[in-house]
Amino acid sequence: MSKKAMVYIQSGGPTSVINTSLYGAIREGQKHPEISKIYGSLNGIDGLLNDNLIDLGAEDDETIELFKQTPGAVLGTTRHKLPKDLHHEEYSRIIETLKKHDIGYVFVNGGNDSMDTCYKLSLLAKELNLDIKVMGVPKTVDNDLAETDHSNGFGSAAKYVINTIREIIADAQSYKNYKAYIIEIMGRNAGWLTAAVDLLPEEARPDLIYLPENKFDVEKFVANVDKIYAKKGNCIVAISEGIEFERDESNVKIDSFGHKQLGGAASDLGKLITSRLGIAVRAIELSLPQRAYSFLTSKVDSDEACICGAEAVRHAVEGMTGHMIAIKRVSDKPYAVKYEPVDISKIANVERKVPISMMKDDSHMDPSFRAYCEPLIQGELAVTMENGIIKTAVLKKVRV
């Protein structure tokens, strides 16, 4: 039996369960004699480009167990976009690294753009007739991956957003007449995370919800805030970072995938409300913690992330390549899913947005959204602490 090494790549923005998928892949890889070594590519695809791999087999078992409560990407990540031309010299460098270390299995854990990387690597192996299996593992808090019911990382991020906003609203309601609050939540073109606030009970939820799927009407927004503030003495607004309105974007940076560096929408809208209505505004950008807060990790999300990593390895060993492990929902009550590999060409660079059928108006989602989202935030992890600080994995990073 021919033995080959496997390499695991983490790519794009981290989530609170990105390392749990890696955990699942490692544990599954250890079961198969076909896998000779388990490597990690440092900083995403850059590790293969620059022959910068580490031996995950050299890590202590305790360290690997801590992956399940470690935020960030333990292998490091990147947003490097591979060229369209498979004959570009970058691919020659990748192949050189793969051959040098006798790697026959490549796993890419990421979102839309990362699945583009996965797709290109699978095409490269096929064109060169290389015995290398390439599989994708879903990951994105934006929940915008196609062909899967939801993405690893979304449930935990939604849980963080829901509970954090509940605390913000409780604080706001402590005052008789105070400020308007505008809370900015991650979501470039898809508003799944912002929509999650609809799971809060009526008395503890934002007054207004704005998703990028809907055209943002500034005049209607100002009128809505004015009306609600006059009635309540405060107004709570939840917005996706990607909602579009006229503002100064002269200093906005663009990444290698052509995406704008988002942020600042809440602040800009807050200035607008203050100038137009004379209302003091507290602009709150939830920013990075919403995607990497270990204490509010959903157990459902964690368990599914682990299984997706393991399923990718199992299918690759069985000979599959060019697919991503998708989560397919079987039922809402009781909540049940199954795992199916889907052709990566159907997923790379495709965005899945919140369907209109799940939206009711500017204040509420349709009940179908609650039925969809509620199961994903269930359960908690038993987090290990040391001297009041969460224990996280610290890799030895033994170079291959």
Protein backbone atom coordinates (compact mmCIF):
# COMPACT_ATOMS: atom_id res chain seq x y z
CA MET A 1 0.00 0.00 0.00
CA SER A 2 1.38 3.37 -1.09
CA LYS A 3 1.68 5.87 1.73
CA LYS A 4 1.46 9.63 1.25
CA ALA A 5 1.62 12.64 3.57
CA MET A 6 -1.30 15.03 4.05
CA VAL A 7 -1.12 18.80 4.43
CA TYR A 8 -3.74 21.06 5.94
CA ILE A 9 -4.28 24.70 4.94
CA GLN A 10 -6.21 27.34 6.89
CA SER A 11 -7.25 30.29 4.78
CA GLY A 12 -9.21 33.55 5.06
CA GLY A 13 -10.63 35.00 8.26
CA PRO A 14 -10.42 32.78 11.36
CA THR A 15 -13.48 31.58 13.28
CA SER A 16 -13.87 30.16 16.78
CA VAL A 17 -14.05 26.64 15.29
CA ILE A 18 -11.47 26.82 12.47
CA ASN A 19 -9.01 24.87 14.63
CA THR A 20 -11.71 22.33 15.53
CA SER A 21 -11.93 21.35 11.86
CA LEU A 22 -8.15 20.88 11.90
CA TYR A 23 -8.55 18.76 15.03
CA GLY A 24 -11.08 16.55 13.25
CA ALA A 25 -8.80 16.17 10.23
CA ILE A 26 -5.79 15.23 12.38
CA ARG A 27 -7.70 12.65 14.41
CA GLU A 28 -9.14 11.09 11.24
CA GLY A 29 -5.75 11.14 9.54
CA GLN A 30 -4.24 9.22 12.44
CA LYS A 31 -6.68 6.36 11.78
CA HIS A 32 -5.50 5.71 8.22
CA PRO A 33 -2.25 3.83 7.47
CA GLU A 34 -2.39 5.34 3.96
CA ILE A 35 -1.37 8.67 5.53
CA SER A 36 2.31 8.66 6.42
CA LYS A 37 2.66 12.15 7.87
CA ILE A 38 0.37 15.02 8.89
CA TYR A 39 1.68 18.46 7.98
CA GLY A 40 0.42 21.99 8.43
CA SER A 41 1.02 24.72 5.86
CA LEU A 42 2.00 27.94 7.64
CA ASN A 43 0.01 31.02 6.62
CA GLY A 44 -2.30 29.31 4.20
CA ILE A 45 -1.18 28.65 0.64
CA ASP A 46 1.96 30.67 1.38
CA GLY A 47 3.31 27.61 3.20
CA LEU A 48 3.19 25.54 0.01
CA LEU A 49 4.54 28.40 -2.07
CA ASN A 50 7.53 28.88 0.22
CA ASP A 51 8.06 25.31 1.47
CA ASN A 52 7.12 26.39 4.96
CA LEU A 53 5.48 23.35 6.53
CA ILE A 54 5.36 22.03 10.08
CA ASP A 55 5.01 18.48 11.38
CA LEU A 56 1.72 18.27 13.27
CA GLY A 57 2.68 14.76 14.34
CA ALA A 58 5.35 16.33 16.55
CA GLU A 59 2.76 18.21 18.62
CA ASP A 60 1.73 16.94 22.05
CA ASP A 61 -1.67 15.31 22.33
CA GLU A 62 -2.72 17.89 24.94
CA THR A 63 -1.93 20.70 22.48
CA ILE A 64 -4.07 19.12 19.77
CA GLU A 65 -6.96 18.69 22.23
CA LEU A 66 -6.77 22.43 22.99
CA PHE A 67 -7.44 23.21 19.32
CA LYS A 68 -11.16 22.93 20.15
CA GLN A 69 -11.03 26.02 22.37
CA THR A 70 -8.29 27.99 20.63
CA PRO A 71 -9.33 31.09 18.64
CA GLY A 72 -7.46 32.39 15.60
CA ALA A 73 -5.85 30.10 13.06
CA VAL A 74 -3.12 28.03 14.76
CA LEU A 75 -1.38 27.45 11.41
CA GLY A 76 -1.69 31.07 10.37
CA THR A 77 -3.78 32.25 7.46
CA THR A 78 -3.59 34.33 4.30
CA ARG A 79 -5.74 36.06 1.68
CA HIS A 80 -3.35 35.29 -1.17
CA LYS A 81 -5.13 34.80 -4.50
CA LEU A 82 -3.59 32.24 -6.83
CA PRO A 83 -3.27 33.23 -10.53
CA LYS A 84 -5.89 32.03 -13.05
CA ASP A 85 -3.15 30.65 -15.29
CA LEU A 86 -2.25 27.18 -13.99
CA HIS A 87 1.11 27.50 -15.75
CA HIS A 88 2.14 30.48 -13.63
CA GLU A 89 5.38 30.00 -11.74
CA GLU A 90 3.53 29.98 -8.41
CA TYR A 91 2.04 26.60 -9.28
CA SER A 92 5.47 25.25 -10.11
CA ARG A 93 6.61 26.20 -6.61
CA ILE A 94 3.56 24.54 -5.05
CA ILE A 95 4.14 21.31 -7.00
CA GLU A 96 7.80 21.35 -6.01
CA THR A 97 6.84 21.51 -2.32
CA LEU A 98 4.22 18.77 -2.68
CA LYS A 99 6.64 16.43 -4.46
CA LYS A 100 9.52 17.20 -2.11
CA HIS A 101 7.50 16.06 0.91
CA ASP A 102 5.64 13.24 -0.88
CA ILE A 103 2.25 14.84 -0.20
CA GLY A 104 -0.76 13.05 -1.65
CA TYR A 105 -3.59 14.74 0.26
CA VAL A 106 -4.31 18.49 0.46
CA PHE A 107 -7.08 19.99 2.60
CA VAL A 108 -8.16 23.62 2.32
CA ASN A 109 -10.27 25.07 5.14
CA GLY A 110 -11.94 28.34 4.23
CA GLY A 111 -14.71 30.37 2.59
CA ASN A 112 -15.57 31.46 -0.94
CA ASP A 113 -12.12 32.68 -1.91
CA SER A 114 -10.42 29.76 -0.18
CA MET A 115 -12.56 27.35 -2.16
CA ASP A 116 -11.23 29.11 -5.27
CA THR A 117 -7.75 28.11 -4.09
CA CYS A 118 -8.98 24.56 -3.47
CA TYR A 119 -10.55 24.39 -6.93
CA LYS A 120 -7.39 25.60 -8.68
CA LEU A 121 -5.22 23.09 -6.81
CA SER A 122 -7.55 20.24 -7.79
CA LEU A 123 -7.46 21.34 -11.45
CA LEU A 124 -3.66 21.56 -11.30
CA ALA A 125 -3.31 18.01 -9.95
CA LYS A 126 -5.70 16.72 -12.60
CA GLU A 127 -3.93 18.54 -15.48
CA LEU A 128 -0.54 17.20 -14.42
CA ASN A 129 -1.95 13.72 -13.70
CA LEU A 130 -0.62 13.84 -10.14
CA ASP A 131 -1.80 11.39 -7.51
CA ILE A 132 -2.87 14.20 -5.19
CA LYS A 133 -6.35 14.45 -3.68
CA VAL A 134 -7.60 17.97 -2.87
CA MET A 135 -10.62 18.49 -0.60
CA GLY A 136 -12.33 21.55 0.90
CA VAL A 137 -13.59 22.09 4.45
CA PRO A 138 -16.27 24.85 4.83
CA LYS A 139 -15.53 27.84 7.05
CA THR A 140 -16.92 31.38 7.20
CA VAL A 141 -18.82 33.41 9.78
CA ASP A 142 -20.54 35.19 6.88
CA ASN A 143 -22.40 31.92 6.13
CA ASP A 144 -22.34 32.69 2.41
CA LEU A 145 -20.90 29.45 1.03
CA ALA A 146 -23.02 27.85 -1.69
CA GLU A 147 -24.25 24.24 -1.65
CA THR A 148 -24.15 23.88 2.14
CA ASP A 149 -26.99 24.54 4.60
CA HIS A 150 -24.60 26.61 6.70
CA SER A 151 -20.88 27.09 7.22
CA ASN A 152 -18.66 26.12 10.15
CA GLY A 153 -18.11 29.23 12.25
CA PHE A 154 -21.46 30.90 11.59
CA GLY A 155 -23.36 29.36 14.51
CA SER A 156 -20.77 30.47 17.05
CA ALA A 157 -20.45 33.96 15.58
CA ALA A 158 -24.25 34.29 15.56
CA LYS A 159 -24.34 33.21 19.20
CA TYR A 160 -21.78 35.89 20.08
CA VAL A 161 -23.66 38.59 18.16
CA ILE A 162 -27.01 37.68 19.72
CA ASN A 163 -25.73 37.66 23.31
CA THR A 164 -23.51 40.73 22.96
CA ILE A 165 -26.31 42.80 21.47
CA ARG A 166 -28.66 41.65 24.21
CA GLU A 167 -26.21 43.12 26.76
CA ILE A 168 -25.85 46.35 24.78
CA ILE A 169 -29.62 46.76 24.66
CA ALA A 170 -29.95 46.07 28.39
CA ASP A 171 -27.43 48.86 28.99
CA ALA A 172 -29.31 51.24 26.68
CA GLN A 173 -32.60 50.52 28.37
CA SER A 174 -31.14 51.59 31.73
CA TYR A 175 -31.64 55.22 30.73
CA LYS A 176 -34.96 57.03 30.34
CA ASN A 177 -33.83 59.25 27.47
CA TYR A 178 -30.37 58.63 26.09
CA LYS A 179 -28.85 57.87 22.70
CA ALA A 180 -29.42 56.06 19.47
CA TYR A 181 -27.20 53.00 19.07
CA ILE A 182 -25.95 51.77 15.71
CA ILE A 183 -24.30 48.35 15.91
CA GLU A 184 -22.19 47.18 12.98
CA ILE A 185 -21.98 43.44 12.36
CA MET A 186 -19.84 41.44 9.92
CA GLY A 187 -21.33 40.66 6.50
CA ARG A 188 -20.01 42.02 3.22
CA ASN A 189 -22.73 41.00 0.79
CA ALA A 190 -24.71 38.56 2.92
CA GLY A 191 -26.50 39.57 6.10
CA TRP A 192 -26.83 36.21 7.88
CA LEU A 193 -25.04 37.39 11.04
CA THR A 194 -27.06 40.59 11.31
CA ALA A 195 -30.27 38.65 10.73
CA ALA A 196 -29.38 36.46 13.72
CA VAL A 197 -30.36 39.26 16.13
CA ASP A 198 -33.99 38.42 15.25
CA LEU A 199 -33.68 35.41 17.55
CA LEU A 200 -33.75 37.76 20.54
CA PRO A 201 -37.08 38.20 22.35
CA GLU A 202 -39.06 41.25 21.21
CA GLU A 203 -38.23 43.34 24.30
CA ALA A 204 -34.49 42.73 23.93
CA ARG A 205 -33.87 43.08 20.20
CA PRO A 206 -32.88 45.96 17.90
CA ASP A 207 -35.65 48.21 16.62
CA LEU A 208 -34.28 48.17 13.08
CA ILE A 209 -32.32 45.57 11.09
CA TYR A 210 -30.56 46.36 7.80
CA LEU A 211 -29.04 43.67 5.58
CA PRO A 212 -26.92 44.20 2.43
CA GLU A 213 -29.42 42.09 0.46
CA ASN A 214 -31.86 45.03 0.58
CA LYS A 215 -31.32 48.46 -0.92
CA PHE A 216 -30.51 50.87 1.90
CA ASP A 217 -32.69 54.00 1.80
CA VAL A 218 -30.98 56.74 3.83
CA GLU A 219 -34.07 58.97 4.03
CA LYS A 220 -36.25 56.10 5.25
CA PHE A 221 -33.54 55.17 7.75
CA VAL A 222 -33.44 58.70 9.21
CA ALA A 223 -37.24 58.83 9.40
CA ASN A 224 -37.40 55.46 11.14
CA VAL A 225 -34.81 56.46 13.75
CA ASP A 226 -36.61 59.77 14.36
CA LYS A 227 -39.96 58.04 14.90
CA ILE A 228 -38.63 55.31 17.21
CA TYR A 229 -36.50 57.71 19.28
CA ALA A 230 -39.44 60.07 19.80
CA LYS A 231 -41.51 57.18 21.11
CA LYS A 232 -38.91 55.33 23.24
CA GLY A 233 -36.15 57.78 24.11
CA ASN A 234 -33.63 55.49 22.41
CA CYS A 235 -33.30 53.57 19.17
CA ILE A 236 -31.25 50.44 18.56
CA VAL A 237 -30.16 49.71 15.00
CA ALA A 238 -28.32 46.61 13.75
CA ILE A 239 -26.59 46.92 10.38
CA SER A 240 -24.40 44.67 8.25
CA GLU A 241 -21.01 46.21 7.50
CA GLY A 242 -21.68 45.82 3.78
CA ILE A 243 -24.81 47.98 3.44
CA GLU A 244 -24.26 50.57 0.72
CA PHE A 245 -24.90 54.28 0.98
CA GLU A 246 -23.10 57.40 -0.17
CA ARG A 247 -20.02 58.05 1.95
CA ASP A 248 -16.32 58.85 1.62
CA GLU A 249 -14.42 55.72 0.53
CA SER A 250 -11.31 57.46 -0.79
CA ASN A 251 -9.08 55.75 1.77
CA VAL A 252 -10.64 52.28 1.54
CA LYS A 253 -8.12 49.51 0.84
CA ILE A 254 -8.73 46.65 -1.61
CA ASP A 255 -7.42 43.12 -0.98
CA SER A 256 -6.00 40.69 -3.56
CA PHE A 257 -9.46 39.27 -4.19
CA GLY A 258 -10.84 42.72 -5.04
CA HIS A 259 -12.78 43.10 -1.78
CA LYS A 260 -13.06 46.45 -0.02
CA GLN A 261 -11.78 46.64 3.53
CA LEU A 262 -15.04 47.27 5.33
CA GLY A 263 -15.81 49.07 8.57
CA GLY A 264 -16.97 52.48 9.69
CA ALA A 265 -20.55 52.28 8.40
CA ALA A 266 -22.01 52.65 11.91
CA SER A 267 -19.82 55.65 12.61
CA ASP A 268 -20.77 57.37 9.34
CA LEU A 269 -24.49 56.75 9.87
CA GLY A 270 -24.15 57.97 13.45
CA LYS A 271 -22.73 61.29 12.26
CA LEU A 272 -25.59 61.55 9.78
CA ILE A 273 -28.24 61.01 12.48
CA THR A 274 -26.60 63.53 14.81
CA SER A 275 -26.39 66.20 12.09
CA ARG A 276 -29.93 65.60 10.81
CA LEU A 277 -31.83 64.90 14.04
CA GLY A 278 -29.59 66.28 16.78
CA ILE A 279 -29.60 62.91 18.52
CA ALA A 280 -26.46 61.67 20.25
CA VAL A 281 -25.35 58.35 18.77
CA ARG A 282 -23.14 55.57 20.08
CA ALA A 283 -21.65 53.69 17.12
CA ILE A 284 -20.49 50.18 18.04
CA GLU A 285 -18.46 48.00 15.69
CA LEU A 286 -18.44 44.40 16.97
CA SER A 287 -15.36 43.76 14.83
CA LEU A 288 -13.05 40.75 15.33
CA PRO A 289 -14.38 39.24 18.59
CA GLN A 290 -17.59 38.12 16.86
CA ARG A 291 -15.65 35.58 14.81
CA ALA A 292 -13.21 34.35 17.44
CA TYR A 293 -14.80 34.40 20.89
CA SER A 294 -14.21 30.96 22.40
CA PHE A 295 -16.48 31.35 25.44
CA LEU A 296 -19.63 31.53 23.31
CA THR A 297 -18.72 28.78 20.85
CA SER A 298 -21.80 26.78 19.88
CA LYS A 299 -21.39 23.08 20.63
CA VAL A 300 -23.40 22.26 17.50
CA ASP A 301 -20.97 24.38 15.48
CA SER A 302 -17.93 22.81 17.14
CA ASP A 303 -19.16 19.25 16.65
CA GLU A 304 -20.00 19.87 12.99
CA ALA A 305 -16.64 21.56 12.32
CA CYS A 306 -14.86 18.51 13.71
CA ILE A 307 -16.91 16.16 11.56
CA CYS A 308 -16.35 18.22 8.39
CA GLY A 309 -12.57 18.04 8.88
CA ALA A 310 -12.75 14.29 9.46
CA GLU A 311 -15.09 13.68 6.51
CA ALA A 312 -12.75 15.53 4.14
CA VAL A 313 -9.89 13.22 5.13
CA ARG A 314 -12.03 10.08 4.93
CA HIS A 315 -13.27 10.87 1.42
CA ALA A 316 -9.79 11.81 0.21
CA VAL A 317 -8.35 8.50 1.44
CA GLU A 318 -11.15 6.74 -0.44
CA GLY A 319 -9.96 8.47 -3.62
CA MET A 320 -12.17 11.56 -3.88
CA THR A 321 -10.80 14.94 -4.99
CA GLY A 322 -12.12 18.35 -6.06
CA HIS A 323 -14.98 18.40 -3.56
CA MET A 324 -15.97 20.27 -0.39
CA ILE A 325 -17.78 18.65 2.52
CA ALA A 326 -21.25 20.24 2.65
CA ILE A 327 -23.72 20.13 5.52
CA LYS A 328 -27.20 19.10 4.39
CA ARG A 329 -30.10 19.63 6.78
CA VAL A 330 -32.42 16.69 7.30
CA SER A 331 -34.85 18.35 9.74
CA ASP A 332 -35.28 21.38 12.03
CA LYS A 333 -37.07 19.62 14.92
CA PRO A 334 -35.35 17.49 15.90
CA TYR A 335 -32.34 19.16 14.33
CA ALA A 336 -30.45 16.70 12.14
CA VAL A 337 -27.93 16.97 9.31
CA LYS A 338 -25.90 14.76 7.01
CA TYR A 339 -22.57 15.40 5.33
CA GLU A 340 -22.12 15.20 1.57
CA PRO A 341 -19.16 16.04 -0.71
CA VAL A 342 -20.07 18.63 -3.36
CA ASP A 343 -18.11 19.46 -6.52
CA ILE A 344 -15.93 22.44 -5.62
CA SER A 345 -16.61 24.12 -8.99
CA LYS A 346 -20.16 24.81 -7.74
CA ILE A 347 -18.84 26.60 -4.65
CA ALA A 348 -15.69 28.57 -5.58
CA ASN A 349 -16.41 32.32 -5.76
CA VAL A 350 -20.18 31.80 -5.39
CA GLU A 351 -22.01 33.74 -2.66
CA ARG A 352 -25.18 32.54 -0.95
CA LYS A 353 -27.27 35.42 0.38
CA VAL A 354 -30.19 35.56 2.77
CA PRO A 355 -33.25 34.65 0.66
CA ILE A 356 -36.08 37.18 0.41
CA SER A 357 -38.43 34.54 1.78
CA MET A 358 -36.62 34.77 5.14
CA MET A 359 -37.07 38.56 5.40
CA LYS A 360 -40.23 40.26 6.65
CA ASP A 361 -39.39 43.98 6.88
CA ASP A 362 -36.83 46.42 8.31
CA SER A 363 -37.61 45.23 11.82
CA HIS A 364 -38.12 41.48 11.62
CA MET A 365 -37.09 38.33 9.82
CA ASP A 366 -39.62 35.72 8.75
CA PRO A 367 -40.30 32.85 11.22
CA SER A 368 -38.57 30.53 8.75
CA PHE A 369 -35.28 32.25 9.57
CA ARG A 370 -35.66 31.51 13.28
CA ALA A 371 -36.35 27.85 12.48
CA TYR A 372 -33.19 27.84 10.35
CA CYS A 373 -30.85 29.67 12.71
CA GLU A 374 -31.92 28.66 16.21
CA PRO A 375 -30.53 25.09 16.13
CA LEU A 376 -27.09 26.37 15.09
CA ILE A 377 -26.40 28.31 18.30
CA GLN A 378 -27.24 25.52 20.74
CA GLY A 379 -24.93 24.00 23.36
CA GLU A 380 -21.79 25.20 25.11
CA LEU A 381 -18.21 23.98 25.38
CA ALA A 382 -16.62 23.10 28.71
CA VAL A 383 -13.72 25.53 28.39
CA THR A 384 -10.51 24.80 30.34
CA MET A 385 -9.10 27.77 32.25
CA GLU A 386 -5.80 28.38 34.02
CA ASN A 387 -5.46 31.22 36.55
CA GLY A 388 -8.57 32.86 35.12
CA ILE A 389 -7.29 32.75 31.55
CA ILE A 390 -8.52 30.43 28.83
CA LYS A 391 -5.94 27.80 27.88
CA THR A 392 -5.05 27.85 24.20
CA ALA A 393 -2.81 25.74 22.01
CA VAL A 394 0.77 26.88 21.45
CA LEU A 395 2.45 24.95 18.65
CA LYS A 396 6.08 23.79 18.69
CA LYS A 397 6.10 24.37 14.91
CA VAL A 398 8.69 21.72 14.08
CA ARG A 399 9.71 22.49 10.51
CA VAL A 400 9.48 19.76 7.92
